[in-house]
N, C-alpha and C. Protein backbone atom coordinates (compact mmCIF):
# COMPACT_ATOMS: atom_id res chain seq x y z
N UNK A 1 39.19 31.01 -44.64
CA UNK A 1 37.89 31.63 -44.45
C UNK A 1 37.80 32.18 -43.03
N UNK A 2 36.70 32.74 -42.70
CA UNK A 2 36.42 33.33 -41.41
C UNK A 2 36.63 32.32 -40.28
N UNK A 3 37.28 32.72 -39.21
CA UNK A 3 37.55 31.89 -38.04
C UNK A 3 38.51 30.74 -38.32
N UNK A 4 39.20 30.78 -39.44
CA UNK A 4 40.16 29.72 -39.75
C UNK A 4 39.52 28.41 -40.15
N UNK A 5 38.28 28.43 -40.60
CA UNK A 5 37.61 27.20 -41.02
C UNK A 5 37.36 27.25 -42.52
N UNK A 6 37.40 26.12 -43.15
CA UNK A 6 37.12 26.02 -44.58
C UNK A 6 35.96 25.05 -44.75
N UNK A 7 34.82 25.53 -45.25
CA UNK A 7 33.67 24.63 -45.42
C UNK A 7 33.79 23.80 -46.70
N UNK A 8 33.10 22.69 -46.71
CA UNK A 8 32.91 21.92 -47.94
C UNK A 8 31.63 22.41 -48.56
N UNK A 9 31.68 22.79 -49.82
CA UNK A 9 30.50 23.31 -50.52
C UNK A 9 29.98 22.20 -51.43
N UNK A 10 28.75 21.75 -51.17
CA UNK A 10 28.17 20.64 -51.93
C UNK A 10 26.69 20.90 -52.17
N UNK A 11 26.04 19.92 -52.75
CA UNK A 11 24.59 19.92 -52.98
C UNK A 11 24.12 21.13 -53.79
N UNK A 12 24.84 21.42 -54.86
CA UNK A 12 24.41 22.53 -55.73
C UNK A 12 23.09 22.17 -56.41
N UNK A 13 22.20 23.12 -56.50
CA UNK A 13 20.94 22.89 -57.22
C UNK A 13 21.22 22.92 -58.72
N UNK A 14 20.32 22.36 -59.54
CA UNK A 14 20.52 22.39 -60.99
C UNK A 14 20.63 23.82 -61.55
N UNK A 15 19.93 24.76 -60.92
CA UNK A 15 20.00 26.15 -61.38
C UNK A 15 21.28 26.85 -60.92
N UNK A 16 22.01 26.24 -59.99
CA UNK A 16 23.26 26.81 -59.51
C UNK A 16 23.08 27.96 -58.54
N UNK A 17 21.89 28.04 -57.92
CA UNK A 17 21.65 29.16 -57.00
C UNK A 17 21.43 28.71 -55.55
N UNK A 18 21.58 27.42 -55.29
CA UNK A 18 21.40 26.90 -53.93
C UNK A 18 22.47 25.85 -53.66
N UNK A 19 23.01 25.88 -52.44
CA UNK A 19 24.09 24.97 -52.09
C UNK A 19 24.12 24.77 -50.59
N UNK A 20 24.91 23.79 -50.15
CA UNK A 20 25.09 23.52 -48.73
C UNK A 20 26.54 23.77 -48.35
N UNK A 21 26.74 24.34 -47.17
CA UNK A 21 28.07 24.50 -46.58
C UNK A 21 28.18 23.53 -45.42
N UNK A 22 29.12 22.60 -45.49
CA UNK A 22 29.36 21.67 -44.40
C UNK A 22 30.59 22.14 -43.62
N UNK A 23 30.43 22.30 -42.33
CA UNK A 23 31.53 22.73 -41.46
C UNK A 23 31.90 21.55 -40.56
N UNK A 24 33.02 20.91 -40.86
CA UNK A 24 33.44 19.78 -40.05
C UNK A 24 34.02 20.24 -38.73
N UNK A 25 34.77 21.32 -38.74
CA UNK A 25 35.36 21.86 -37.52
C UNK A 25 34.87 23.28 -37.33
N UNK A 26 34.03 23.49 -36.36
CA UNK A 26 33.49 24.81 -36.07
C UNK A 26 34.01 25.23 -34.70
N UNK A 27 34.93 26.20 -34.64
CA UNK A 27 35.49 26.58 -33.35
C UNK A 27 34.47 27.19 -32.40
N UNK A 28 33.37 27.67 -32.91
CA UNK A 28 32.35 28.26 -32.04
C UNK A 28 31.69 27.23 -31.14
N UNK A 29 31.51 26.01 -31.62
CA UNK A 29 30.84 25.00 -30.80
C UNK A 29 31.76 24.42 -29.73
N UNK A 30 33.06 24.66 -29.85
CA UNK A 30 34.00 24.16 -28.84
C UNK A 30 33.86 24.91 -27.52
N UNK A 31 33.35 26.13 -27.56
CA UNK A 31 33.26 26.95 -26.35
C UNK A 31 31.82 27.22 -25.93
N UNK A 32 30.87 26.57 -26.59
CA UNK A 32 29.45 26.82 -26.30
C UNK A 32 28.79 25.54 -25.79
N UNK A 33 27.98 25.69 -24.78
CA UNK A 33 27.16 24.60 -24.29
C UNK A 33 25.76 25.17 -24.08
N UNK A 34 24.79 24.62 -24.78
CA UNK A 34 23.43 25.12 -24.68
C UNK A 34 22.75 24.57 -23.44
N UNK A 35 22.29 25.43 -22.54
CA UNK A 35 21.53 24.94 -21.40
C UNK A 35 20.17 24.43 -21.84
N UNK A 36 19.61 23.52 -21.10
CA UNK A 36 18.32 22.94 -21.45
C UNK A 36 17.24 24.00 -21.62
N UNK A 37 17.29 25.05 -20.80
CA UNK A 37 16.27 26.10 -20.88
C UNK A 37 16.36 26.91 -22.17
N UNK A 38 17.47 26.80 -22.91
CA UNK A 38 17.63 27.50 -24.18
C UNK A 38 17.89 26.52 -25.33
N UNK A 39 17.33 25.35 -25.23
CA UNK A 39 17.61 24.31 -26.22
C UNK A 39 17.05 24.63 -27.61
N UNK A 40 16.14 25.60 -27.70
CA UNK A 40 15.61 25.96 -29.01
C UNK A 40 16.50 26.97 -29.74
N UNK A 41 17.52 27.48 -29.08
CA UNK A 41 18.44 28.43 -29.68
C UNK A 41 19.26 27.74 -30.76
N UNK A 42 19.34 28.36 -31.92
CA UNK A 42 20.14 27.82 -33.03
C UNK A 42 21.40 28.65 -33.12
N UNK A 43 22.42 28.22 -32.40
CA UNK A 43 23.66 28.99 -32.28
C UNK A 43 24.40 29.11 -33.61
N UNK A 44 24.26 28.12 -34.47
CA UNK A 44 24.93 28.14 -35.76
C UNK A 44 24.40 29.26 -36.66
N UNK A 45 23.26 29.82 -36.34
CA UNK A 45 22.75 30.94 -37.13
C UNK A 45 23.68 32.14 -37.10
N UNK A 46 24.57 32.19 -36.12
CA UNK A 46 25.58 33.24 -36.09
C UNK A 46 26.41 33.22 -37.36
N UNK A 47 26.82 32.04 -37.80
CA UNK A 47 27.60 31.93 -39.03
C UNK A 47 26.75 32.22 -40.27
N UNK A 48 25.46 31.92 -40.20
CA UNK A 48 24.56 32.29 -41.30
C UNK A 48 24.53 33.80 -41.46
N UNK A 49 24.50 34.50 -40.36
CA UNK A 49 24.48 35.97 -40.40
C UNK A 49 25.79 36.53 -40.90
N UNK A 50 26.91 35.90 -40.56
CA UNK A 50 28.21 36.33 -41.07
C UNK A 50 28.25 36.18 -42.59
N UNK A 51 27.79 35.04 -43.10
CA UNK A 51 27.75 34.81 -44.54
C UNK A 51 26.83 35.81 -45.22
N UNK A 52 25.65 36.01 -44.66
CA UNK A 52 24.69 36.96 -45.23
C UNK A 52 25.31 38.36 -45.30
N UNK A 53 25.94 38.81 -44.23
CA UNK A 53 26.53 40.13 -44.19
C UNK A 53 27.67 40.30 -45.17
N UNK A 54 28.52 39.27 -45.30
CA UNK A 54 29.64 39.34 -46.24
C UNK A 54 29.15 39.43 -47.68
N UNK A 55 28.15 38.63 -48.03
CA UNK A 55 27.63 38.67 -49.39
C UNK A 55 26.82 39.94 -49.65
N UNK A 56 26.19 40.48 -48.63
CA UNK A 56 25.47 41.75 -48.75
C UNK A 56 26.44 42.88 -49.13
N UNK A 57 27.67 42.81 -48.62
CA UNK A 57 28.68 43.83 -48.91
C UNK A 57 29.10 43.83 -50.38
N UNK A 58 28.92 42.72 -51.08
CA UNK A 58 29.24 42.65 -52.50
C UNK A 58 27.95 42.60 -53.34
N UNK A 59 26.88 43.16 -52.80
CA UNK A 59 25.58 43.30 -53.46
C UNK A 59 24.97 41.97 -53.91
N UNK A 60 25.09 40.94 -53.08
CA UNK A 60 24.43 39.68 -53.35
C UNK A 60 23.45 39.40 -52.23
N UNK A 61 22.23 39.06 -52.60
CA UNK A 61 21.21 38.71 -51.62
C UNK A 61 21.21 37.19 -51.46
N UNK A 62 21.29 36.74 -50.22
CA UNK A 62 21.34 35.31 -49.96
C UNK A 62 20.46 35.00 -48.76
N UNK A 63 19.84 33.84 -48.79
CA UNK A 63 19.08 33.34 -47.64
C UNK A 63 19.86 32.16 -47.09
N UNK A 64 20.29 32.26 -45.85
CA UNK A 64 21.08 31.20 -45.23
C UNK A 64 20.35 30.69 -44.00
N UNK A 65 20.29 29.39 -43.85
CA UNK A 65 19.64 28.82 -42.68
C UNK A 65 20.39 27.58 -42.22
N UNK A 66 20.34 27.34 -40.94
CA UNK A 66 20.99 26.17 -40.34
C UNK A 66 20.10 24.95 -40.55
N UNK A 67 20.68 23.90 -41.10
CA UNK A 67 19.94 22.66 -41.33
C UNK A 67 20.36 21.58 -40.34
N UNK A 68 21.66 21.51 -40.03
CA UNK A 68 22.18 20.55 -39.07
C UNK A 68 23.16 21.27 -38.14
N UNK A 69 23.16 20.90 -36.87
CA UNK A 69 23.98 21.58 -35.88
C UNK A 69 24.49 20.55 -34.87
N UNK A 70 25.81 20.52 -34.65
CA UNK A 70 26.37 19.55 -33.71
C UNK A 70 25.91 19.83 -32.28
N UNK A 71 25.56 21.07 -31.98
CA UNK A 71 25.04 21.38 -30.65
C UNK A 71 23.66 20.77 -30.42
N UNK A 72 22.98 20.41 -31.50
CA UNK A 72 21.67 19.76 -31.41
C UNK A 72 21.77 18.25 -31.53
N UNK A 73 23.00 17.73 -31.60
CA UNK A 73 23.19 16.29 -31.67
C UNK A 73 23.46 15.76 -33.06
N UNK A 74 23.48 16.62 -34.08
CA UNK A 74 23.78 16.17 -35.44
C UNK A 74 25.27 15.89 -35.55
N UNK A 75 25.65 15.11 -36.53
CA UNK A 75 27.04 14.74 -36.70
C UNK A 75 27.89 15.80 -37.36
N UNK A 76 27.25 16.78 -37.99
CA UNK A 76 27.98 17.80 -38.74
C UNK A 76 27.20 19.11 -38.66
N UNK A 77 27.90 20.21 -38.91
CA UNK A 77 27.23 21.51 -39.02
C UNK A 77 26.98 21.76 -40.50
N UNK A 78 25.73 22.09 -40.86
CA UNK A 78 25.41 22.32 -42.27
C UNK A 78 24.47 23.50 -42.39
N UNK A 79 24.84 24.42 -43.27
CA UNK A 79 23.98 25.54 -43.63
C UNK A 79 23.47 25.32 -45.04
N UNK A 80 22.22 25.64 -45.28
CA UNK A 80 21.66 25.61 -46.62
C UNK A 80 21.52 27.05 -47.07
N UNK A 81 22.07 27.37 -48.23
CA UNK A 81 22.14 28.75 -48.69
C UNK A 81 21.55 28.87 -50.07
N UNK A 82 20.83 29.96 -50.30
CA UNK A 82 20.20 30.22 -51.58
C UNK A 82 20.47 31.66 -51.98
N UNK A 83 21.04 31.83 -53.15
CA UNK A 83 21.32 33.17 -53.68
C UNK A 83 20.09 33.63 -54.44
N UNK A 84 19.55 34.79 -54.05
CA UNK A 84 18.34 35.30 -54.69
C UNK A 84 18.63 36.20 -55.86
N UNK A 85 19.71 36.95 -55.80
CA UNK A 85 20.06 37.83 -56.90
C UNK A 85 21.54 38.14 -56.82
N UNK A 86 22.09 38.46 -57.95
CA UNK A 86 23.48 38.89 -58.01
C UNK A 86 23.51 40.14 -58.87
N UNK A 87 23.96 41.24 -58.29
CA UNK A 87 24.01 42.50 -59.03
C UNK A 87 25.38 42.73 -59.62
């Protein structure tokens, strides 16, 4: 996958249109340190935008948001994703 990382895809909804991507190793967080003055910045949203853009290219609308972020002190990076339509 992108950046040489492979996410674990889990937590599928019963309808099959919502899931979670768990990133155990995220190379982006290895080179980033959030200063206290920018502690509200959600750096993992960069990967949400990459996913959104890639699926947009194949005519799929998706809403991706960061739920857990190791830069915020969480143990894992997790995105929650919902597919709105597939053409």
